[in-house]
Amino acid sequence: MRGWWREIAGLVLPVACGGCGRVRTQLCEECGRALYGRPPGRVRPVPEPAGLPVVHAAAPYGDAVRAVLLGHKERGVLGLARPLGLALAGAVRAAVAAPSAASSAAAPSAGLGAGPLLLVPVPSSRRAVRARGHDAARRIAMAAAAELRRTGTAARVLPVLRQRRSVSDQSRLDARQRLANMAGALEVVAGGGRALAAGRAVLVDDLMTTGASLVEAARALPGHVGAAVVAAPPSSFTGPLSPLGTRAKYSK
């Protein structure tokens, strides 16, 4: 019910840019460039935890990008899922194109064919979903899959990971504590293995900080071809951040 109310309210209430607050636009051109205007890059947190898959991010986390992610996740501005999905789609393409992804997809043990891309969201806790009124990572993944299909890549969301036990709120935990908190917390749902055999699985999330959640997701989902996130800390990008590019602008 809460999610439906937000959807309806977004149609009748005045809008402001989710990144800078500029009125009469849900995402201004400048904030759109910050979110998806540069090529995605590989990201590796410091310290890098053992078991972290190869991760690509669309944008450095900060300023407008941070505001857009928080606006969607915590304030329920659901219309921001589409530009966030556009950013995530770019990171997914980079993840699949990476050499390590190609070799992983070709490995017989992976059990993955040449079918569609299967975007597997890192699951949020039920408590967090109830508190927010929506599943932010899954909603962004759905928008990313739609963008991939629009541009000619077969893709769909496959939410086959679930929490097998409760975990603590990670916001006040350090990197080591987050790894311990997430260890063994995820599992593939019954029948998920058969669904995964139909394509190439890519782990997706909205944000990577220490990498603890992706480490656990990768452990629970062997055979994935990489991971993609909307944003990560600027310090985690392995190369210098490129200047803003000239990707197609987001439009409503």
C-alpha atoms as a PDB file:
ATOM      1  CA  MET A   1       0.000   0.000   0.000  1.00  0.00           C
ATOM      2  CA  ARG A   2       2.770   2.381   0.900  1.00  0.00           C
ATOM      3  CA  GLY A   3       4.496   1.816  -2.425  1.00  0.00           C
ATOM      4  CA  TRP A   4       1.297   2.460  -4.402  1.00  0.00           C
ATOM      5  CA  TRP A   5       0.735   5.724  -2.533  1.00  0.00           C
ATOM      6  CA  ARG A   6       4.222   6.890  -3.437  1.00  0.00           C
ATOM      7  CA  GLU A   7       3.647   6.041  -7.097  1.00  0.00           C
ATOM      8  CA  ILE A   8       0.395   8.037  -7.162  1.00  0.00           C
ATOM      9  CA  ALA A   9       1.856  10.956  -5.221  1.00  0.00           C
ATOM     10  CA  GLY A  10       4.680  11.206  -7.730  1.00  0.00           C
ATOM     11  CA  LEU A  11       2.124  11.918 -10.461  1.00  0.00           C
ATOM     12  CA  VAL A  12       0.370  14.804  -8.726  1.00  0.00           C
ATOM     13  CA  LEU A  13       2.925  16.480  -6.451  1.00  0.00           C
ATOM     14  CA  PRO A  14       5.572  18.964  -7.668  1.00  0.00           C
ATOM     15  CA  VAL A  15       8.863  17.255  -8.485  1.00  0.00           C
ATOM     16  CA  ALA A  16      12.409  18.284  -7.741  1.00  0.00           C
ATOM     17  CA  CYS A  17      15.691  16.879  -8.984  1.00  0.00           C
ATOM     18  CA  GLY A  18      16.707  13.911  -6.878  1.00  0.00           C
ATOM     19  CA  GLY A  19      20.333  14.999  -7.014  1.00  0.00           C
ATOM     20  CA  CYS A  20      20.350  18.763  -6.419  1.00  0.00           C
ATOM     21  CA  GLY A  21      16.749  19.724  -5.634  1.00  0.00           C
ATOM     22  CA  ARG A  22      16.230  21.822  -8.751  1.00  0.00           C
ATOM     23  CA  VAL A  23      12.489  22.165  -9.291  1.00  0.00           C
ATOM     24  CA  ARG A  24      10.348  20.851 -12.138  1.00  0.00           C
ATOM     25  CA  THR A  25      12.573  17.947 -13.078  1.00  0.00           C
ATOM     26  CA  GLN A  26      13.023  14.580 -11.440  1.00  0.00           C
ATOM     27  CA  LEU A  27      16.672  14.428 -12.493  1.00  0.00           C
ATOM     28  CA  CYS A  28      18.414  17.397 -14.072  1.00  0.00           C
ATOM     29  CA  GLU A  29      20.909  17.049 -16.903  1.00  0.00           C
ATOM     30  CA  GLU A  30      23.907  17.789 -14.680  1.00  0.00           C
ATOM     31  CA  CYS A  31      22.958  15.181 -12.059  1.00  0.00           C
ATOM     32  CA  GLY A  32      22.163  12.706 -14.814  1.00  0.00           C
ATOM     33  CA  ARG A  33      25.705  13.108 -16.149  1.00  0.00           C
ATOM     34  CA  ALA A  34      27.086  12.491 -12.655  1.00  0.00           C
ATOM     35  CA  LEU A  35      25.082   9.261 -12.436  1.00  0.00           C
ATOM     36  CA  TYR A  36      25.606   7.723 -15.879  1.00  0.00           C
ATOM     37  CA  GLY A  37      27.684  10.151 -17.908  1.00  0.00           C
ATOM     38  CA  ARG A  38      31.062   8.381 -17.665  1.00  0.00           C
ATOM     39  CA  PRO A  39      32.129   4.843 -18.607  1.00  0.00           C
ATOM     40  CA  PRO A  40      31.720   2.349 -15.740  1.00  0.00           C
ATOM     41  CA  GLY A  41      34.909   1.320 -13.992  1.00  0.00           C
ATOM     42  CA  ARG A  42      36.196  -1.617 -12.005  1.00  0.00           C
ATOM     43  CA  VAL A  43      36.079  -1.058  -8.268  1.00  0.00           C
ATOM     44  CA  ARG A  44      38.020  -2.734  -5.446  1.00  0.00           C
ATOM     45  CA  PRO A  45      37.578  -1.638  -1.832  1.00  0.00           C
ATOM     46  CA  VAL A  46      40.584  -1.171   0.440  1.00  0.00           C
ATOM     47  CA  PRO A  47      41.090  -3.544   2.100  1.00  0.00           C
ATOM     48  CA  GLU A  48      39.757  -5.902  -0.560  1.00  0.00           C
ATOM     49  CA  PRO A  49      38.015  -8.881   1.079  1.00  0.00           C
ATOM     50  CA  ALA A  50      38.819 -12.406  -0.022  1.00  0.00           C
ATOM     51  CA  GLY A  51      36.180 -13.844  -2.317  1.00  0.00           C
ATOM     52  CA  LEU A  52      35.052 -10.520  -3.788  1.00  0.00           C
ATOM     53  CA  PRO A  53      33.984 -10.983  -7.414  1.00  0.00           C
ATOM     54  CA  VAL A  54      35.078  -8.600 -10.149  1.00  0.00           C
ATOM     55  CA  VAL A  55      32.830  -5.571  -9.588  1.00  0.00           C
ATOM     56  CA  HIS A  56      32.055  -2.696 -11.959  1.00  0.00           C
ATOM     57  CA  ALA A  57      30.368   0.529 -10.861  1.00  0.00           C
ATOM     58  CA  ALA A  58      28.664   3.207 -12.901  1.00  0.00           C
ATOM     59  CA  ALA A  59      29.565   6.220 -10.754  1.00  0.00           C
ATOM     60  CA  PRO A  60      31.529   7.349  -7.712  1.00  0.00           C
ATOM     61  CA  TYR A  61      29.380   7.618  -4.601  1.00  0.00           C
ATOM     62  CA  GLY A  62      29.044  11.213  -3.460  1.00  0.00           C
ATOM     63  CA  ASP A  63      27.132  14.463  -3.883  1.00  0.00           C
ATOM     64  CA  ALA A  64      24.369  14.069  -6.486  1.00  0.00           C
ATOM     65  CA  VAL A  65      24.781  10.300  -6.878  1.00  0.00           C
ATOM     66  CA  ARG A  66      24.471   9.808  -3.122  1.00  0.00           C
ATOM     67  CA  ALA A  67      21.381  12.017  -3.033  1.00  0.00           C
ATOM     68  CA  VAL A  68      19.709  10.109  -5.859  1.00  0.00           C
ATOM     69  CA  LEU A  69      20.404   6.708  -4.282  1.00  0.00           C
ATOM     70  CA  LEU A  70      19.144   7.828  -0.863  1.00  0.00           C
ATOM     71  CA  GLY A  71      16.133   9.537  -2.407  1.00  0.00           C
ATOM     72  CA  HIS A  72      15.117   6.300  -4.083  1.00  0.00           C
ATOM     73  CA  LYS A  73      15.965   3.925  -1.242  1.00  0.00           C
ATOM     74  CA  GLU A  74      15.097   5.847   1.907  1.00  0.00           C
ATOM     75  CA  ARG A  75      12.632   8.514   0.788  1.00  0.00           C
ATOM     76  CA  GLY A  76      10.759   6.346  -1.689  1.00  0.00           C
ATOM     77  CA  VAL A  77      11.115   8.539  -4.781  1.00  0.00           C
ATOM     78  CA  LEU A  78      10.321   5.592  -6.988  1.00  0.00           C
ATOM     79  CA  GLY A  79      10.622   7.477 -10.254  1.00  0.00           C
ATOM     80  CA  LEU A  80      14.388   7.596  -9.711  1.00  0.00           C
ATOM     81  CA  ALA A  81      14.561   3.850 -10.352  1.00  0.00           C
ATOM     82  CA  ARG A  82      14.660   4.438 -14.090  1.00  0.00           C
ATOM     83  CA  PRO A  83      17.809   6.607 -14.246  1.00  0.00           C
ATOM     84  CA  LEU A  84      19.414   4.404 -11.584  1.00  0.00           C
ATOM     85  CA  GLY A  85      18.571   1.417 -13.762  1.00  0.00           C
ATOM     86  CA  LEU A  86      20.154   3.129 -16.751  1.00  0.00           C
ATOM     87  CA  ALA A  87      23.355   3.553 -14.728  1.00  0.00           C
ATOM     88  CA  LEU A  88      23.266  -0.048 -13.506  1.00  0.00           C
ATOM     89  CA  ALA A  89      22.703  -1.344 -17.048  1.00  0.00           C
ATOM     90  CA  GLY A  90      25.967   0.281 -18.098  1.00  0.00           C
ATOM     91  CA  ALA A  91      27.808  -1.376 -15.213  1.00  0.00           C
ATOM     92  CA  VAL A  92      26.262  -4.742 -16.129  1.00  0.00           C
ATOM     93  CA  ARG A  93      27.513  -4.405 -19.710  1.00  0.00           C
ATOM     94  CA  ALA A  94      31.004  -3.633 -18.401  1.00  0.00           C
ATOM     95  CA  ALA A  95      30.884  -6.608 -16.034  1.00  0.00           C
ATOM     96  CA  VAL A  96      29.887  -9.022 -18.788  1.00  0.00           C
ATOM     97  CA  ALA A  97      32.463  -7.631 -21.215  1.00  0.00           C
ATOM     98  CA  ALA A  98      35.342  -7.962 -18.727  1.00  0.00           C
ATOM     99  CA  PRO A  99      37.882 -10.705 -19.624  1.00  0.00           C
ATOM    100  CA  SER A 100      37.309 -12.481 -16.300  1.00  0.00           C
ATOM    101  CA  ALA A 101      33.580 -12.621 -17.039  1.00  0.00           C
ATOM    102  CA  ALA A 102      34.162 -14.164 -20.446  1.00  0.00           C
ATOM    103  CA  SER A 103      36.411 -16.872 -19.031  1.00  0.00           C
ATOM    104  CA  SER A 104      33.977 -17.557 -16.186  1.00  0.00           C
ATOM    105  CA  ALA A 105      31.060 -17.906 -18.584  1.00  0.00           C
ATOM    106  CA  ALA A 106      33.015 -20.394 -20.660  1.00  0.00           C
ATOM    107  CA  ALA A 107      34.016 -22.545 -17.696  1.00  0.00           C
ATOM    108  CA  PRO A 108      32.197 -25.912 -17.702  1.00  0.00           C
ATOM    109  CA  SER A 109      31.753 -25.766 -13.940  1.00  0.00           C
ATOM    110  CA  ALA A 110      29.797 -22.556 -14.165  1.00  0.00           C
ATOM    111  CA  GLY A 111      26.703 -24.285 -15.500  1.00  0.00           C
ATOM    112  CA  LEU A 112      25.803 -21.147 -17.475  1.00  0.00           C
ATOM    113  CA  GLY A 113      24.850 -21.142 -21.109  1.00  0.00           C
ATOM    114  CA  ALA A 114      24.783 -18.344 -23.652  1.00  0.00           C
ATOM    115  CA  GLY A 115      21.236 -17.379 -22.752  1.00  0.00           C
ATOM    116  CA  PRO A 116      19.963 -14.054 -21.433  1.00  0.00           C
ATOM    117  CA  LEU A 117      21.637 -12.028 -18.743  1.00  0.00           C
ATOM    118  CA  LEU A 118      20.116 -12.899 -15.381  1.00  0.00           C
ATOM    119  CA  LEU A 119      20.387  -9.968 -12.977  1.00  0.00           C
ATOM    120  CA  VAL A 120      20.480 -11.388  -9.464  1.00  0.00           C
ATOM    121  CA  PRO A 121      19.914  -8.687  -6.824  1.00  0.00           C
ATOM    122  CA  VAL A 122      21.655  -8.881  -3.465  1.00  0.00           C
ATOM    123  CA  PRO A 123      18.613  -9.260  -1.174  1.00  0.00           C
ATOM    124  CA  SER A 124      17.697  -6.744   1.492  1.00  0.00           C
ATOM    125  CA  SER A 125      16.395  -7.916   4.826  1.00  0.00           C
ATOM    126  CA  ARG A 126      12.634  -8.241   5.177  1.00  0.00           C
ATOM    127  CA  ARG A 127      12.822  -5.728   7.997  1.00  0.00           C
ATOM    128  CA  ALA A 128      14.450  -3.129   5.728  1.00  0.00           C
ATOM    129  CA  VAL A 129      11.974  -3.748   2.913  1.00  0.00           C
ATOM    130  CA  ARG A 130       9.045  -3.318   5.292  1.00  0.00           C
ATOM    131  CA  ALA A 131      10.512  -0.128   6.741  1.00  0.00           C
ATOM    132  CA  ARG A 132      11.148   1.416   3.321  1.00  0.00           C
ATOM    133  CA  GLY A 133       7.982   0.148   1.694  1.00  0.00           C
ATOM    134  CA  HIS A 134       9.861  -1.252  -1.321  1.00  0.00           C
ATOM    135  CA  ASP A 135      12.869  -3.352  -2.318  1.00  0.00           C
ATOM    136  CA  ALA A 136      15.271  -0.748  -3.714  1.00  0.00           C
ATOM    137  CA  ALA A 137      17.882  -3.063  -5.243  1.00  0.00           C
ATOM    138  CA  ARG A 138      15.281  -5.237  -6.934  1.00  0.00           C
ATOM    139  CA  ARG A 139      13.437  -2.223  -8.362  1.00  0.00           C
ATOM    140  CA  ILE A 140      16.666  -0.797  -9.813  1.00  0.00           C
ATOM    141  CA  ALA A 141      17.548  -4.229 -11.233  1.00  0.00           C
ATOM    142  CA  MET A 142      14.176  -4.370 -13.000  1.00  0.00           C
ATOM    143  CA  ALA A 143      14.800  -0.949 -14.526  1.00  0.00           C
ATOM    144  CA  ALA A 144      18.280  -2.058 -15.622  1.00  0.00           C
ATOM    145  CA  ALA A 145      16.901  -5.210 -17.255  1.00  0.00           C
ATOM    146  CA  ALA A 146      14.341  -3.105 -19.118  1.00  0.00           C
ATOM    147  CA  GLU A 147      17.096  -0.786 -20.369  1.00  0.00           C
ATOM    148  CA  LEU A 148      19.221  -3.741 -21.496  1.00  0.00           C
ATOM    149  CA  ARG A 149      16.275  -5.202 -23.407  1.00  0.00           C
ATOM    150  CA  ARG A 150      15.538  -1.799 -24.971  1.00  0.00           C
ATOM    151  CA  THR A 151      19.066  -1.691 -26.343  1.00  0.00           C
ATOM    152  CA  GLY A 152      18.988  -5.230 -27.732  1.00  0.00           C
ATOM    153  CA  THR A 153      20.349  -7.384 -24.876  1.00  0.00           C
ATOM    154  CA  ALA A 154      18.131 -10.151 -23.556  1.00  0.00           C
ATOM    155  CA  ALA A 155      17.946  -9.708 -19.792  1.00  0.00           C
ATOM    156  CA  ARG A 156      15.646 -10.322 -16.863  1.00  0.00           C
ATOM    157  CA  VAL A 157      15.741 -10.119 -13.096  1.00  0.00           C
ATOM    158  CA  LEU A 158      16.121 -13.402 -11.238  1.00  0.00           C
ATOM    159  CA  PRO A 159      15.737 -12.875  -7.460  1.00  0.00           C
ATOM    160  CA  VAL A 160      17.017 -16.304  -6.426  1.00  0.00           C
ATOM    161  CA  LEU A 161      19.039 -15.220  -3.386  1.00  0.00           C
ATOM    162  CA  ARG A 162      17.426 -14.945   0.027  1.00  0.00           C
ATOM    163  CA  GLN A 163      18.565 -14.405   3.582  1.00  0.00           C
ATOM    164  CA  ARG A 164      18.688 -17.686   5.475  1.00  0.00           C
ATOM    165  CA  ARG A 165      19.168 -15.910   8.798  1.00  0.00           C
ATOM    166  CA  SER A 166      18.794 -12.391  10.132  1.00  0.00           C
ATOM    167  CA  VAL A 167      21.711  -9.970   9.924  1.00  0.00           C
ATOM    168  CA  SER A 168      22.492  -6.821  11.869  1.00  0.00           C
ATOM    169  CA  ASP A 169      22.265  -3.319  10.453  1.00  0.00           C
ATOM    170  CA  GLN A 170      25.625  -2.806   8.753  1.00  0.00           C
ATOM    171  CA  SER A 171      25.730   1.001   8.852  1.00  0.00           C
ATOM    172  CA  ARG A 172      27.731   1.112  12.107  1.00  0.00           C
ATOM    173  CA  LEU A 173      29.969  -1.887  11.436  1.00  0.00           C
ATOM    174  CA  ASP A 174      33.524  -1.763  10.127  1.00  0.00           C
ATOM    175  CA  ALA A 175      34.761  -3.883   7.212  1.00  0.00           C
ATOM    176  CA  ARG A 176      35.759  -6.881   9.342  1.00  0.00           C
ATOM    177  CA  GLN A 177      32.489  -6.811  11.292  1.00  0.00           C
ATOM    178  CA  ARG A 178      30.462  -6.600   8.095  1.00  0.00           C
ATOM    179  CA  LEU A 179      32.149  -9.706   6.709  1.00  0.00           C
ATOM    180  CA  ALA A 180      31.379 -11.608   9.920  1.00  0.00           C
ATOM    181  CA  ASN A 181      27.817 -10.285   9.914  1.00  0.00           C
ATOM    182  CA  MET A 182      27.158 -11.500   6.357  1.00  0.00           C
ATOM    183  CA  ALA A 183      29.077 -14.798   6.455  1.00  0.00           C
ATOM    184  CA  GLY A 184      26.712 -17.663   5.609  1.00  0.00           C
ATOM    185  CA  ALA A 185      23.660 -15.382   5.563  1.00  0.00           C
ATOM    186  CA  LEU A 186      22.502 -16.006   1.981  1.00  0.00           C
ATOM    187  CA  GLU A 187      21.308 -19.019   0.041  1.00  0.00           C
ATOM    188  CA  VAL A 188      19.739 -19.846  -3.313  1.00  0.00           C
ATOM    189  CA  VAL A 189      16.008 -20.495  -3.140  1.00  0.00           C
ATOM    190  CA  ALA A 190      14.660 -23.937  -3.976  1.00  0.00           C
ATOM    191  CA  GLY A 191      14.625 -24.412  -7.731  1.00  0.00           C
ATOM    192  CA  GLY A 192      16.943 -21.470  -8.264  1.00  0.00           C
ATOM    193  CA  GLY A 193      19.684 -23.618  -9.720  1.00  0.00           C
ATOM    194  CA  ARG A 194      17.491 -24.711 -12.631  1.00  0.00           C
ATOM    195  CA  ALA A 195      16.522 -21.110 -13.369  1.00  0.00           C
ATOM    196  CA  LEU A 196      20.173 -20.021 -13.293  1.00  0.00           C
ATOM    197  CA  ALA A 197      21.096 -22.655 -15.883  1.00  0.00           C
ATOM    198  CA  ALA A 198      19.101 -20.715 -18.489  1.00  0.00           C
ATOM    199  CA  GLY A 199      21.513 -17.791 -18.771  1.00  0.00           C
ATOM    200  CA  ARG A 200      24.471 -15.838 -17.393  1.00  0.00           C
ATOM    201  CA  ALA A 201      24.048 -14.573 -13.846  1.00  0.00           C
ATOM    202  CA  VAL A 202      25.318 -11.133 -12.857  1.00  0.00           C
ATOM    203  CA  LEU A 203      25.149 -10.058  -9.222  1.00  0.00           C
ATOM    204  CA  VAL A 204      23.715  -6.555  -8.883  1.00  0.00           C
ATOM    205  CA  ASP A 205      23.273  -4.046  -6.064  1.00  0.00           C
ATOM    206  CA  ASP A 206      22.791  -0.327  -5.675  1.00  0.00           C
ATOM    207  CA  LEU A 207      25.965   0.408  -3.696  1.00  0.00           C
ATOM    208  CA  MET A 208      29.218  -1.290  -2.769  1.00  0.00           C
ATOM    209  CA  THR A 209      31.198   0.013   0.210  1.00  0.00           C
ATOM    210  CA  THR A 210      33.306  -2.687   1.908  1.00  0.00           C
ATOM    211  CA  GLY A 211      32.187  -5.476  -0.452  1.00  0.00           C
ATOM    212  CA  ALA A 212      30.943  -7.737   2.358  1.00  0.00           C
ATOM    213  CA  SER A 213      27.480  -8.272   0.861  1.00  0.00           C
ATOM    214  CA  LEU A 214      28.890  -9.102  -2.575  1.00  0.00           C
ATOM    215  CA  VAL A 215      31.397 -11.534  -1.055  1.00  0.00           C
ATOM    216  CA  GLU A 216      28.561 -13.443   0.570  1.00  0.00           C
ATOM    217  CA  ALA A 217      26.377 -13.260  -2.546  1.00  0.00           C
ATOM    218  CA  ALA A 218      29.238 -14.624  -4.658  1.00  0.00           C
ATOM    219  CA  ARG A 219      29.761 -17.481  -2.201  1.00  0.00           C
ATOM    220  CA  ALA A 220      26.090 -18.390  -2.322  1.00  0.00           C
ATOM    221  CA  LEU A 221      25.900 -18.108  -6.122  1.00  0.00           C
ATOM    222  CA  PRO A 222      28.815 -19.943  -7.755  1.00  0.00           C
ATOM    223  CA  GLY A 223      29.136 -19.551 -11.508  1.00  0.00           C
ATOM    224  CA  HIS A 224      28.190 -15.894 -11.778  1.00  0.00           C
ATOM    225  CA  VAL A 225      29.992 -13.877 -14.467  1.00  0.00           C
ATOM    226  CA  GLY A 226      30.685 -10.793 -12.363  1.00  0.00           C
ATOM    227  CA  ALA A 227      28.994  -8.097 -10.325  1.00  0.00           C
ATOM    228  CA  ALA A 228      27.678  -4.627 -11.076  1.00  0.00           C
ATOM    229  CA  VAL A 229      26.602  -1.756  -8.842  1.00  0.00           C
ATOM    230  CA  VAL A 230      25.321   1.743  -9.401  1.00  0.00           C
ATOM    231  CA  ALA A 231      27.947   3.380  -7.212  1.00  0.00           C
ATOM    232  CA  ALA A 232      31.030   2.812  -5.085  1.00  0.00           C
ATOM    233  CA  PRO A 233      33.370   5.109  -3.119  1.00  0.00           C
ATOM    234  CA  PRO A 234      35.672   7.144  -5.387  1.00  0.00           C
ATOM    235  CA  SER A 235      38.725   5.613  -3.692  1.00  0.00           C
ATOM    236  CA  SER A 236      37.694   2.127  -4.804  1.00  0.00           C
ATOM    237  CA  PHE A 237      37.954   2.831  -8.550  1.00  0.00           C
ATOM    238  CA  THR A 238      41.066   1.064  -9.818  1.00  0.00           C
ATOM    239  CA  GLY A 239      41.906   3.692 -12.446  1.00  0.00           C
ATOM    240  CA  PRO A 240      41.584   7.473 -12.514  1.00  0.00           C
ATOM    241  CA  LEU A 241      37.995   8.592 -12.894  1.00  0.00           C
ATOM    242  CA  SER A 242      37.437   9.585 -16.495  1.00  0.00           C
ATOM    243  CA  PRO A 243      35.875  12.919 -17.441  1.00  0.00           C
ATOM    244  CA  LEU A 244      32.136  12.930 -17.835  1.00  0.00           C
ATOM    245  CA  GLY A 245      31.191  11.397 -21.151  1.00  0.00           C
ATOM    246  CA  THR A 246      28.408  12.048 -23.613  1.00  0.00           C
ATOM    247  CA  ARG A 247      25.988   9.188 -23.078  1.00  0.00           C
ATOM    248  CA  ALA A 248      22.391   9.673 -24.103  1.00  0.00           C
ATOM    249  CA  LYS A 249      20.553  11.812 -21.623  1.00  0.00           C
ATOM    250  CA  TYR A 250      17.844  10.319 -19.454  1.00  0.00           C
ATOM    251  CA  SER A 251      14.368  11.561 -20.276  1.00  0.00           C
ATOM    252  CA  LYS A 252      11.089  10.876 -18.577  1.00  0.00           C
END
